[in-house]
PDB file of all heavy atoms in Angstrom:
ATOM      1  N   CYS A   1     -17.877 -18.954  28.988  1.00  0.00           N
ATOM      2  CA  CYS A   1     -18.263 -20.283  28.485  1.00  0.00           C
ATOM      3  C   CYS A   1     -18.302 -21.282  29.630  1.00  0.00           C
ATOM      4  O   CYS A   1     -19.306 -21.408  30.314  1.00  0.00           O
ATOM      5  CB  CYS A   1     -17.302 -20.729  27.392  1.00  0.00           C
ATOM      6  SG  CYS A   1     -17.435 -19.761  25.862  1.00  0.00           S
ATOM      7  N   ALA A   2     -17.195 -21.993  29.862  1.00  0.00           N
ATOM      8  CA  ALA A   2     -17.183 -23.039  30.888  1.00  0.00           C
ATOM      9  C   ALA A   2     -17.647 -22.549  32.264  1.00  0.00           C
ATOM     10  O   ALA A   2     -18.406 -23.250  32.941  1.00  0.00           O
ATOM     11  CB  ALA A   2     -15.794 -23.669  30.981  1.00  0.00           C
ATOM     12  N   PRO A   3     -17.204 -21.360  32.725  1.00  0.00           N
ATOM     13  CA  PRO A   3     -17.612 -20.945  34.076  1.00  0.00           C
ATOM     14  C   PRO A   3     -19.113 -20.767  34.239  1.00  0.00           C
ATOM     15  O   PRO A   3     -19.611 -20.768  35.366  1.00  0.00           O
ATOM     16  CB  PRO A   3     -16.882 -19.604  34.272  1.00  0.00           C
ATOM     17  CG  PRO A   3     -15.723 -19.650  33.336  1.00  0.00           C
ATOM     18  CD  PRO A   3     -16.231 -20.409  32.144  1.00  0.00           C
ATOM     19  N   GLU A   4     -19.846 -20.618  33.137  1.00  0.00           N
ATOM     20  CA  GLU A   4     -21.276 -20.321  33.237  1.00  0.00           C
ATOM     21  C   GLU A   4     -22.155 -21.564  33.175  1.00  0.00           C
ATOM     22  O   GLU A   4     -23.356 -21.496  33.399  1.00  0.00           O
ATOM     23  CB  GLU A   4     -21.687 -19.369  32.103  1.00  0.00           C
ATOM     24  CG  GLU A   4     -20.769 -18.190  31.884  1.00  0.00           C
ATOM     25  CD  GLU A   4     -20.728 -17.195  33.032  1.00  0.00           C
ATOM     26  OE1 GLU A   4     -21.011 -17.594  34.183  1.00  0.00           O
ATOM     27  OE2 GLU A   4     -20.420 -16.024  32.787  1.00  0.00           O
ATOM     28  N   ILE A   5     -21.578 -22.721  32.846  1.00  0.00           N
ATOM     29  CA  ILE A   5     -22.382 -23.941  32.777  1.00  0.00           C
ATOM     30  C   ILE A   5     -22.893 -24.272  34.177  1.00  0.00           C
ATOM     31  O   ILE A   5     -22.133 -24.223  35.143  1.00  0.00           O
ATOM     32  CB  ILE A   5     -21.546 -25.101  32.208  1.00  0.00           C
ATOM     33  CG1 ILE A   5     -21.080 -24.755  30.784  1.00  0.00           C
ATOM     34  CG2 ILE A   5     -22.349 -26.402  32.200  1.00  0.00           C
ATOM     35  CD1 ILE A   5     -20.146 -25.778  30.174  1.00  0.00           C
ATOM     36  N   PRO A   6     -24.166 -24.621  34.316  1.00  0.00           N
ATOM     37  CA  PRO A   6     -24.713 -24.845  35.657  1.00  0.00           C
ATOM     38  C   PRO A   6     -24.207 -26.132  36.286  1.00  0.00           C
ATOM     39  O   PRO A   6     -23.808 -27.079  35.597  1.00  0.00           O
ATOM     40  CB  PRO A   6     -26.218 -24.908  35.422  1.00  0.00           C
ATOM     41  CG  PRO A   6     -26.352 -25.415  34.013  1.00  0.00           C
ATOM     42  CD  PRO A   6     -25.200 -24.791  33.268  1.00  0.00           C
ATOM     43  N   THR A   7     -24.236 -26.165  37.594  1.00  0.00           N
ATOM     44  CA  THR A   7     -24.019 -27.407  38.324  1.00  0.00           C
ATOM     45  C   THR A   7     -25.343 -28.176  38.379  1.00  0.00           C
ATOM     46  O   THR A   7     -26.413 -27.635  38.070  1.00  0.00           O
ATOM     47  CB  THR A   7     -23.541 -27.126  39.750  1.00  0.00           C
ATOM     48  OG1 THR A   7     -24.567 -26.375  40.446  1.00  0.00           O
ATOM     49  CG2 THR A   7     -22.247 -26.317  39.748  1.00  0.00           C
ATOM     50  N   TRP A   8     -25.268 -29.433  38.765  1.00  0.00           N
ATOM     51  CA  TRP A   8     -26.488 -30.230  38.851  1.00  0.00           C
ATOM     52  C   TRP A   8     -27.473 -29.634  39.854  1.00  0.00           C
ATOM     53  O   TRP A   8     -28.679 -29.598  39.612  1.00  0.00           O
ATOM     54  CB  TRP A   8     -26.158 -31.669  39.213  1.00  0.00           C
ATOM     55  CG  TRP A   8     -27.378 -32.541  39.316  1.00  0.00           C
ATOM     56  CD1 TRP A   8     -27.887 -33.125  40.434  1.00  0.00           C
ATOM     57  CD2 TRP A   8     -28.254 -32.895  38.237  1.00  0.00           C
ATOM     58  NE1 TRP A   8     -29.023 -33.828  40.121  1.00  0.00           N
ATOM     59  CE2 TRP A   8     -29.277 -33.712  38.785  1.00  0.00           C
ATOM     60  CE3 TRP A   8     -28.275 -32.607  36.873  1.00  0.00           C
ATOM     61  CZ2 TRP A   8     -30.301 -34.233  38.005  1.00  0.00           C
ATOM     62  CZ3 TRP A   8     -29.312 -33.131  36.098  1.00  0.00           C
ATOM     63  CH2 TRP A   8     -30.309 -33.934  36.663  1.00  0.00           C
ATOM     64  N   GLN A   9     -26.971 -29.153  40.974  1.00  0.00           N
ATOM     65  CA  GLN A   9     -27.854 -28.553  41.976  1.00  0.00           C
ATOM     66  C   GLN A   9     -28.533 -27.307  41.415  1.00  0.00           C
ATOM     67  O   GLN A   9     -29.728 -27.079  41.636  1.00  0.00           O
ATOM     68  CB  GLN A   9     -27.058 -28.196  43.233  1.00  0.00           C
ATOM     69  CG  GLN A   9     -27.909 -27.668  44.375  1.00  0.00           C
ATOM     70  CD  GLN A   9     -27.128 -27.529  45.673  1.00  0.00           C
ATOM     71  OE1 GLN A   9     -26.015 -28.019  45.794  1.00  0.00           O
ATOM     72  NE2 GLN A   9     -27.698 -26.852  46.645  1.00  0.00           N
ATOM     73  N   GLU A  10     -27.783 -26.528  40.672  1.00  0.00           N
ATOM     74  CA  GLU A  10     -28.325 -25.312  40.070  1.00  0.00           C
ATOM     75  C   GLU A  10     -29.352 -25.640  38.991  1.00  0.00           C
ATOM     76  O   GLU A  10     -30.439 -25.033  38.938  1.00  0.00           O
ATOM     77  CB  GLU A  10     -27.158 -24.530  39.478  1.00  0.00           C
ATOM     78  CG  GLU A  10     -27.491 -23.217  38.830  1.00  0.00           C
ATOM     79  CD  GLU A  10     -26.252 -22.590  38.206  1.00  0.00           C
ATOM     80  OE1 GLU A  10     -25.164 -23.205  38.246  1.00  0.00           O
ATOM     81  OE2 GLU A  10     -26.388 -21.479  37.674  1.00  0.00           O
ATOM     82  N   LEU A  11     -29.022 -26.594  38.133  1.00  0.00           N
ATOM     83  CA  LEU A  11     -29.952 -26.995  37.082  1.00  0.00           C
ATOM     84  C   LEU A  11     -31.237 -27.554  37.681  1.00  0.00           C
ATOM     85  O   LEU A  11     -32.356 -27.237  37.224  1.00  0.00           O
ATOM     86  CB  LEU A  11     -29.294 -28.035  36.179  1.00  0.00           C
ATOM     87  CG  LEU A  11     -30.166 -28.618  35.067  1.00  0.00           C
ATOM     88  CD1 LEU A  11     -30.590 -27.542  34.096  1.00  0.00           C
ATOM     89  CD2 LEU A  11     -29.432 -29.746  34.341  1.00  0.00           C
ATOM     90  N   SER A  12     -31.105 -28.381  38.717  1.00  0.00           N
ATOM     91  CA  SER A  12     -32.286 -28.968  39.352  1.00  0.00           C
ATOM     92  C   SER A  12     -33.189 -27.889  39.943  1.00  0.00           C
ATOM     93  O   SER A  12     -34.421 -27.960  39.828  1.00  0.00           O
ATOM     94  CB  SER A  12     -31.855 -29.953  40.443  1.00  0.00           C
ATOM     95  OG  SER A  12     -31.091 -31.004  39.901  1.00  0.00           O
ATOM     96  N   TYR A  13     -32.561 -26.880  40.560  1.00  0.00           N
ATOM     97  CA  TYR A  13     -33.357 -25.779  41.121  1.00  0.00           C
ATOM     98  C   TYR A  13     -34.139 -25.075  40.012  1.00  0.00           C
ATOM     99  O   TYR A  13     -35.334 -24.788  40.159  1.00  0.00           O
ATOM    100  CB  TYR A  13     -32.441 -24.791  41.839  1.00  0.00           C
ATOM    101  CG  TYR A  13     -33.177 -23.597  42.409  1.00  0.00           C
ATOM    102  CD1 TYR A  13     -33.657 -23.616  43.718  1.00  0.00           C
ATOM    103  CD2 TYR A  13     -33.390 -22.461  41.648  1.00  0.00           C
ATOM    104  CE1 TYR A  13     -34.343 -22.526  44.243  1.00  0.00           C
ATOM    105  CE2 TYR A  13     -34.072 -21.365  42.160  1.00  0.00           C
ATOM    106  CZ  TYR A  13     -34.546 -21.397  43.453  1.00  0.00           C
ATOM    107  OH  TYR A  13     -35.236 -20.319  43.958  1.00  0.00           O
ATOM    108  N   PHE A  14     -33.466 -24.809  38.904  1.00  0.00           N
ATOM    109  CA  PHE A  14     -34.120 -24.113  37.791  1.00  0.00           C
ATOM    110  C   PHE A  14     -35.261 -24.939  37.217  1.00  0.00           C
ATOM    111  O   PHE A  14     -36.348 -24.415  36.932  1.00  0.00           O
ATOM    112  CB  PHE A  14     -33.075 -23.809  36.714  1.00  0.00           C
ATOM    113  CG  PHE A  14     -33.643 -23.203  35.467  1.00  0.00           C
ATOM    114  CD1 PHE A  14     -34.246 -21.951  35.485  1.00  0.00           C
ATOM    115  CD2 PHE A  14     -33.570 -23.885  34.254  1.00  0.00           C
ATOM    116  CE1 PHE A  14     -34.764 -21.390  34.322  1.00  0.00           C
ATOM    117  CE2 PHE A  14     -34.085 -23.335  33.085  1.00  0.00           C
ATOM    118  CZ  PHE A  14     -34.688 -22.081  33.123  1.00  0.00           C
ATOM    119  N   LEU A  15     -35.045 -26.226  37.052  1.00  0.00           N
ATOM    120  CA  LEU A  15     -36.092 -27.076  36.498  1.00  0.00           C
ATOM    121  C   LEU A  15     -37.286 -27.180  37.438  1.00  0.00           C
ATOM    122  O   LEU A  15     -38.437 -27.288  36.996  1.00  0.00           O
ATOM    123  CB  LEU A  15     -35.536 -28.471  36.199  1.00  0.00           C
ATOM    124  CG  LEU A  15     -34.484 -28.536  35.081  1.00  0.00           C
ATOM    125  CD1 LEU A  15     -33.865 -29.927  35.024  1.00  0.00           C
ATOM    126  CD2 LEU A  15     -35.080 -28.149  33.741  1.00  0.00           C
ATOM    127  N   ASP A  16     -37.038 -27.136  38.743  1.00  0.00           N
ATOM    128  CA  ASP A  16     -38.120 -27.237  39.724  1.00  0.00           C
ATOM    129  C   ASP A  16     -38.857 -25.919  39.933  1.00  0.00           C
ATOM    130  O   ASP A  16     -40.070 -25.907  40.156  1.00  0.00           O
ATOM    131  CB  ASP A  16     -37.565 -27.700  41.077  1.00  0.00           C
ATOM    132  CG  ASP A  16     -37.132 -29.159  41.063  1.00  0.00           C
ATOM    133  OD1 ASP A  16     -37.550 -29.895  40.144  1.00  0.00           O
ATOM    134  OD2 ASP A  16     -36.369 -29.556  41.958  1.00  0.00           O
ATOM    135  N   HIS A  17     -38.118 -24.804  39.879  1.00  0.00           N
ATOM    136  CA  HIS A  17     -38.701 -23.520  40.256  1.00  0.00           C
ATOM    137  C   HIS A  17     -38.813 -22.516  39.109  1.00  0.00           C
ATOM    138  O   HIS A  17     -39.523 -21.513  39.242  1.00  0.00           O
ATOM    139  CB  HIS A  17     -37.875 -22.865  41.373  1.00  0.00           C
ATOM    140  CG  HIS A  17     -37.781 -23.678  42.626  1.00  0.00           C
ATOM    141  ND1 HIS A  17     -36.776 -24.585  42.857  1.00  0.00           N
ATOM    142  CD2 HIS A  17     -38.587 -23.735  43.715  1.00  0.00           C
ATOM    143  CE1 HIS A  17     -36.945 -25.154  44.038  1.00  0.00           C
ATOM    144  NE2 HIS A  17     -38.040 -24.677  44.577  1.00  0.00           N
ATOM    145  N   GLY A  18     -38.111 -22.764  37.996  1.00  0.00           N
ATOM    146  CA  GLY A  18     -38.099 -21.768  36.940  1.00  0.00           C
ATOM    147  C   GLY A  18     -37.405 -20.510  37.402  1.00  0.00           C
ATOM    148  O   GLY A  18     -36.648 -20.503  38.379  1.00  0.00           O
ATOM    149  N   SER A  19     -37.679 -19.415  36.716  1.00  0.00           N
ATOM    150  CA  SER A  19     -37.093 -18.130  37.091  1.00  0.00           C
ATOM    151  C   SER A  19     -38.017 -17.003  36.670  1.00  0.00           C
ATOM    152  O   SER A  19     -38.614 -17.055  35.584  1.00  0.00           O
ATOM    153  CB  SER A  19     -35.723 -17.947  36.425  1.00  0.00           C
ATOM    154  OG  SER A  19     -35.224 -16.645  36.658  1.00  0.00           O
ATOM    155  N   PRO A  20     -38.136 -15.981  37.510  1.00  0.00           N
ATOM    156  CA  PRO A  20     -38.926 -14.820  37.110  1.00  0.00           C
ATOM    157  C   PRO A  20     -38.188 -13.935  36.103  1.00  0.00           C
ATOM    158  O   PRO A  20     -38.772 -12.986  35.564  1.00  0.00           O
ATOM    159  CB  PRO A  20     -39.147 -14.073  38.432  1.00  0.00           C
ATOM    160  CG  PRO A  20     -37.952 -14.439  39.257  1.00  0.00           C
ATOM    161  CD  PRO A  20     -37.627 -15.857  38.878  1.00  0.00           C
ATOM    162  N   GLU A  21     -36.916 -14.229  35.849  1.00  0.00           N
ATOM    163  CA  GLU A  21     -36.083 -13.397  34.979  1.00  0.00           C
ATOM    164  C   GLU A  21     -35.872 -14.070  33.630  1.00  0.00           C
ATOM    165  O   GLU A  21     -35.524 -15.244  33.553  1.00  0.00           O
ATOM    166  CB  GLU A  21     -34.710 -13.149  35.624  1.00  0.00           C
ATOM    167  CG  GLU A  21     -34.749 -12.493  36.981  1.00  0.00           C
ATOM    168  CD  GLU A  21     -35.016 -10.999  36.898  1.00  0.00           C
ATOM    169  OE1 GLU A  21     -35.056 -10.465  35.768  1.00  0.00           O
ATOM    170  OE2 GLU A  21     -35.195 -10.377  37.952  1.00  0.00           O
ATOM    171  N   ARG A  22     -36.053 -13.321  32.558  1.00  0.00           N
ATOM    172  CA  ARG A  22     -35.665 -13.830  31.243  1.00  0.00           C
ATOM    173  C   ARG A  22     -34.148 -13.829  31.095  1.00  0.00           C
ATOM    174  O   ARG A  22     -33.592 -14.639  30.349  1.00  0.00           O
ATOM    175  CB  ARG A  22     -36.298 -12.979  30.134  1.00  0.00           C
ATOM    176  CG  ARG A  22     -37.762 -13.291  29.898  1.00  0.00           C
ATOM    177  CD  ARG A  22     -38.335 -12.424  28.786  1.00  0.00           C
ATOM    178  NE  ARG A  22     -37.587 -12.551  27.535  1.00  0.00           N
ATOM    179  CZ  ARG A  22     -37.799 -13.489  26.627  1.00  0.00           C
ATOM    180  NH1 ARG A  22     -38.724 -14.421  26.836  1.00  0.00           N
ATOM    181  NH2 ARG A  22     -37.092 -13.527  25.512  1.00  0.00           N
ATOM    182  N   ALA A  23     -33.488 -12.919  31.785  1.00  0.00           N
ATOM    183  CA  ALA A  23     -32.027 -12.901  31.827  1.00  0.00           C
ATOM    184  C   ALA A  23     -31.606 -13.641  33.095  1.00  0.00           C
ATOM    185  O   ALA A  23     -31.637 -13.086  34.199  1.00  0.00           O
ATOM    186  CB  ALA A  23     -31.502 -11.465  31.833  1.00  0.00           C
ATOM    187  N   LEU A  24     -31.225 -14.909  32.960  1.00  0.00           N
ATOM    188  CA  LEU A  24     -30.953 -15.735  34.140  1.00  0.00           C
ATOM    189  C   LEU A  24     -29.821 -15.170  34.985  1.00  0.00           C
ATOM    190  O   LEU A  24     -29.763 -15.429  36.187  1.00  0.00           O
ATOM    191  CB  LEU A  24     -30.638 -17.166  33.717  1.00  0.00           C
ATOM    192  CG  LEU A  24     -31.777 -17.937  33.032  1.00  0.00           C
ATOM    193  CD1 LEU A  24     -31.336 -19.357  32.725  1.00  0.00           C
ATOM    194  CD2 LEU A  24     -33.020 -17.939  33.895  1.00  0.00           C
ATOM    195  N   ARG A  25     -28.913 -14.411  34.370  1.00  0.00           N
ATOM    196  CA  ARG A  25     -27.807 -13.839  35.145  1.00  0.00           C
ATOM    197  C   ARG A  25     -28.296 -12.815  36.165  1.00  0.00           C
ATOM    198  O   ARG A  25     -27.534 -12.401  37.047  1.00  0.00           O
ATOM    199  CB  ARG A  25     -26.794 -13.194  34.204  1.00  0.00           C
ATOM    200  CG  ARG A  25     -27.308 -11.971  33.478  1.00  0.00           C
ATOM    201  CD  ARG A  25     -26.340 -11.435  32.427  1.00  0.00           C
ATOM    202  NE  ARG A  25     -26.910 -10.299  31.729  1.00  0.00           N
ATOM    203  CZ  ARG A  25     -27.783 -10.387  30.740  1.00  0.00           C
ATOM    204  NH1 ARG A  25     -28.183 -11.585  30.332  1.00  0.00           N
ATOM    205  NH2 ARG A  25     -28.266  -9.312  30.153  1.00  0.00           N
TER     206      ARG A  25
END
């Protein structure tokens, strides 16, 4: 739960670049 919540830097990267993976992990 808590350990998996993104940081702002991580969230910003995802919003800017997306991900090629449907499973973000």
